[in-house]
Amino acid sequence: MELAEVKPKLVLAMGAIAVESLTGSRAAVLSRRGHVETGRGGEPVLITLHPSYLLRLPDPHL
């Protein structure tokens, strides 16, 4: 795995697919956003939303 070779100090997981791949958990991303969890390889994983999520939100000004 690339993470084992790179040995990052922190991995940013952007979106549910990345979060599940890195942590193995399918728990809701919104409730985990902003928290650091331990990845499958022991690396710290910071969980956040995928940027495309913001593009799908309805515009409150319309």
N, C-alpha and C. Protein backbone atom coordinates (compact mmCIF):
# COMPACT_ATOMS: atom_id res chain seq x y z
N MET A 1 0.84 -1.18 0.00
CA MET A 1 0.00 0.00 0.00
C MET A 1 0.89 1.25 0.00
N GLU A 2 0.48 2.25 -0.75
CA GLU A 2 1.27 3.47 -0.86
C GLU A 2 1.44 4.19 0.47
N LEU A 3 0.41 4.14 1.31
CA LEU A 3 0.49 4.82 2.60
C LEU A 3 1.62 4.28 3.46
N ALA A 4 1.85 3.00 3.39
CA ALA A 4 2.94 2.40 4.17
C ALA A 4 4.30 2.90 3.71
N GLU A 5 4.42 3.15 2.42
CA GLU A 5 5.69 3.64 1.88
C GLU A 5 5.89 5.12 2.16
N VAL A 6 4.83 5.90 2.06
CA VAL A 6 4.92 7.35 2.24
C VAL A 6 4.97 7.74 3.72
N LYS A 7 4.28 6.98 4.56
CA LYS A 7 4.18 7.23 6.00
C LYS A 7 3.75 8.68 6.30
N PRO A 8 2.54 9.05 5.85
CA PRO A 8 2.07 10.42 6.07
C PRO A 8 1.77 10.68 7.54
N LYS A 9 1.89 11.93 7.93
CA LYS A 9 1.54 12.32 9.29
C LYS A 9 0.03 12.40 9.45
N LEU A 10 -0.68 12.66 8.34
CA LEU A 10 -2.13 12.78 8.34
C LEU A 10 -2.64 12.51 6.94
N VAL A 11 -3.77 11.80 6.85
CA VAL A 11 -4.42 11.54 5.56
C VAL A 11 -5.77 12.24 5.60
N LEU A 12 -6.11 12.98 4.54
CA LEU A 12 -7.40 13.65 4.43
C LEU A 12 -8.34 12.79 3.60
N ALA A 13 -9.42 12.33 4.23
CA ALA A 13 -10.42 11.52 3.53
C ALA A 13 -11.59 12.42 3.16
N MET A 14 -11.80 12.60 1.87
CA MET A 14 -12.83 13.51 1.37
C MET A 14 -13.99 12.71 0.79
N GLY A 15 -15.01 12.48 1.60
CA GLY A 15 -16.20 11.77 1.14
C GLY A 15 -16.30 10.35 1.66
N ALA A 16 -17.50 9.81 1.52
CA ALA A 16 -17.83 8.51 2.10
C ALA A 16 -16.99 7.37 1.56
N ILE A 17 -16.72 7.37 0.27
CA ILE A 17 -15.95 6.27 -0.32
C ILE A 17 -14.52 6.27 0.22
N ALA A 18 -13.91 7.45 0.29
CA ALA A 18 -12.55 7.54 0.83
C ALA A 18 -12.52 7.17 2.31
N VAL A 19 -13.51 7.64 3.06
CA VAL A 19 -13.57 7.34 4.49
C VAL A 19 -13.70 5.84 4.71
N GLU A 20 -14.59 5.20 3.98
CA GLU A 20 -14.76 3.75 4.13
C GLU A 20 -13.50 2.99 3.73
N SER A 21 -12.87 3.41 2.65
CA SER A 21 -11.65 2.74 2.19
C SER A 21 -10.53 2.84 3.21
N LEU A 22 -10.40 4.01 3.83
CA LEU A 22 -9.29 4.23 4.76
C LEU A 22 -9.56 3.71 6.17
N THR A 23 -10.82 3.78 6.62
CA THR A 23 -11.11 3.38 8.00
C THR A 23 -11.83 2.04 8.12
N GLY A 24 -12.49 1.61 7.04
CA GLY A 24 -13.25 0.37 7.09
C GLY A 24 -14.63 0.54 7.67
N SER A 25 -15.01 1.76 8.02
CA SER A 25 -16.32 2.02 8.64
C SER A 25 -17.23 2.73 7.66
N ARG A 26 -18.51 2.31 7.64
CA ARG A 26 -19.51 2.93 6.78
C ARG A 26 -20.39 3.91 7.56
N ALA A 27 -20.01 4.27 8.77
CA ALA A 27 -20.80 5.21 9.57
C ALA A 27 -20.91 6.55 8.83
N ALA A 28 -21.94 7.30 9.14
CA ALA A 28 -22.23 8.56 8.44
C ALA A 28 -21.06 9.55 8.51
N VAL A 29 -20.74 10.13 7.37
CA VAL A 29 -19.63 11.07 7.27
C VAL A 29 -19.96 12.39 7.98
N LEU A 30 -21.20 12.86 7.87
CA LEU A 30 -21.56 14.15 8.48
C LEU A 30 -21.31 14.16 9.99
N SER A 31 -21.60 13.07 10.65
CA SER A 31 -21.39 13.02 12.11
C SER A 31 -19.92 12.83 12.48
N ARG A 32 -19.10 12.40 11.53
CA ARG A 32 -17.67 12.15 11.78
C ARG A 32 -16.78 13.27 11.25
N ARG A 33 -17.38 14.19 10.48
CA ARG A 33 -16.63 15.28 9.84
C ARG A 33 -15.86 16.09 10.87
N GLY A 34 -14.59 16.36 10.55
CA GLY A 34 -13.75 17.15 11.43
C GLY A 34 -13.03 16.35 12.50
N HIS A 35 -13.31 15.07 12.59
CA HIS A 35 -12.65 14.21 13.57
C HIS A 35 -11.51 13.44 12.92
N VAL A 36 -10.52 13.13 13.72
CA VAL A 36 -9.41 12.30 13.26
C VAL A 36 -9.63 10.89 13.79
N GLU A 37 -9.64 9.93 12.88
CA GLU A 37 -9.79 8.53 13.25
C GLU A 37 -8.54 7.77 12.82
N THR A 38 -8.40 6.58 13.32
CA THR A 38 -7.26 5.74 12.96
C THR A 38 -7.62 4.91 11.74
N GLY A 39 -6.77 4.98 10.71
CA GLY A 39 -6.99 4.22 9.50
C GLY A 39 -6.62 2.76 9.67
N ARG A 40 -6.92 1.98 8.67
CA ARG A 40 -6.63 0.53 8.71
C ARG A 40 -5.16 0.24 8.93
N GLY A 41 -4.29 1.10 8.43
CA GLY A 41 -2.85 0.90 8.58
C GLY A 41 -2.27 1.62 9.78
N GLY A 42 -3.12 2.20 10.62
CA GLY A 42 -2.66 2.89 11.81
C GLY A 42 -2.43 4.38 11.61
N GLU A 43 -2.59 4.86 10.38
CA GLU A 43 -2.36 6.27 10.09
C GLU A 43 -3.56 7.12 10.55
N PRO A 44 -3.32 8.36 10.98
CA PRO A 44 -4.44 9.23 11.35
C PRO A 44 -5.16 9.71 10.09
N VAL A 45 -6.50 9.68 10.14
CA VAL A 45 -7.33 10.06 8.99
C VAL A 45 -8.28 11.17 9.43
N LEU A 46 -8.17 12.32 8.79
CA LEU A 46 -9.08 13.44 9.03
C LEU A 46 -10.24 13.32 8.06
N ILE A 47 -11.45 13.31 8.60
CA ILE A 47 -12.64 13.07 7.79
C ILE A 47 -13.32 14.40 7.46
N THR A 48 -13.65 14.56 6.18
CA THR A 48 -14.39 15.73 5.74
C THR A 48 -15.29 15.35 4.58
N LEU A 49 -16.12 16.30 4.17
CA LEU A 49 -17.04 16.09 3.06
C LEU A 49 -16.28 16.18 1.74
N HIS A 50 -16.82 15.52 0.74
CA HIS A 50 -16.27 15.66 -0.60
C HIS A 50 -16.71 17.02 -1.13
N PRO A 51 -15.84 17.74 -1.84
CA PRO A 51 -16.22 19.07 -2.34
C PRO A 51 -17.48 19.07 -3.21
N SER A 52 -17.73 17.99 -3.92
CA SER A 52 -18.92 17.95 -4.78
C SER A 52 -20.22 17.99 -3.96
N TYR A 53 -20.15 17.62 -2.70
CA TYR A 53 -21.33 17.69 -1.82
C TYR A 53 -21.85 19.12 -1.77
N LEU A 54 -20.95 20.07 -1.68
CA LEU A 54 -21.35 21.48 -1.60
C LEU A 54 -22.03 21.94 -2.88
N LEU A 55 -21.62 21.40 -4.01
CA LEU A 55 -22.24 21.78 -5.28
C LEU A 55 -23.66 21.25 -5.41
N ARG A 56 -23.98 20.19 -4.69
CA ARG A 56 -25.32 19.60 -4.77
C ARG A 56 -26.31 20.21 -3.78
N LEU A 57 -25.83 21.05 -2.87
CA LEU A 57 -26.74 21.68 -1.92
C LEU A 57 -27.61 22.71 -2.63
N PRO A 58 -28.89 22.78 -2.26
CA PRO A 58 -29.75 23.79 -2.89
C PRO A 58 -29.32 25.20 -2.46
N ASP A 59 -29.46 26.14 -3.37
CA ASP A 59 -29.12 27.53 -3.09
C ASP A 59 -30.28 28.16 -2.32
N PRO A 60 -30.04 28.61 -1.08
CA PRO A 60 -31.14 29.17 -0.27
C PRO A 60 -31.64 30.52 -0.81
N HIS A 61 -30.92 31.12 -1.74
CA HIS A 61 -31.30 32.43 -2.27
C HIS A 61 -32.17 32.33 -3.52
N LEU A 62 -32.45 31.12 -3.96
CA LEU A 62 -33.29 30.95 -5.15
C LEU A 62 -34.71 30.66 -4.80
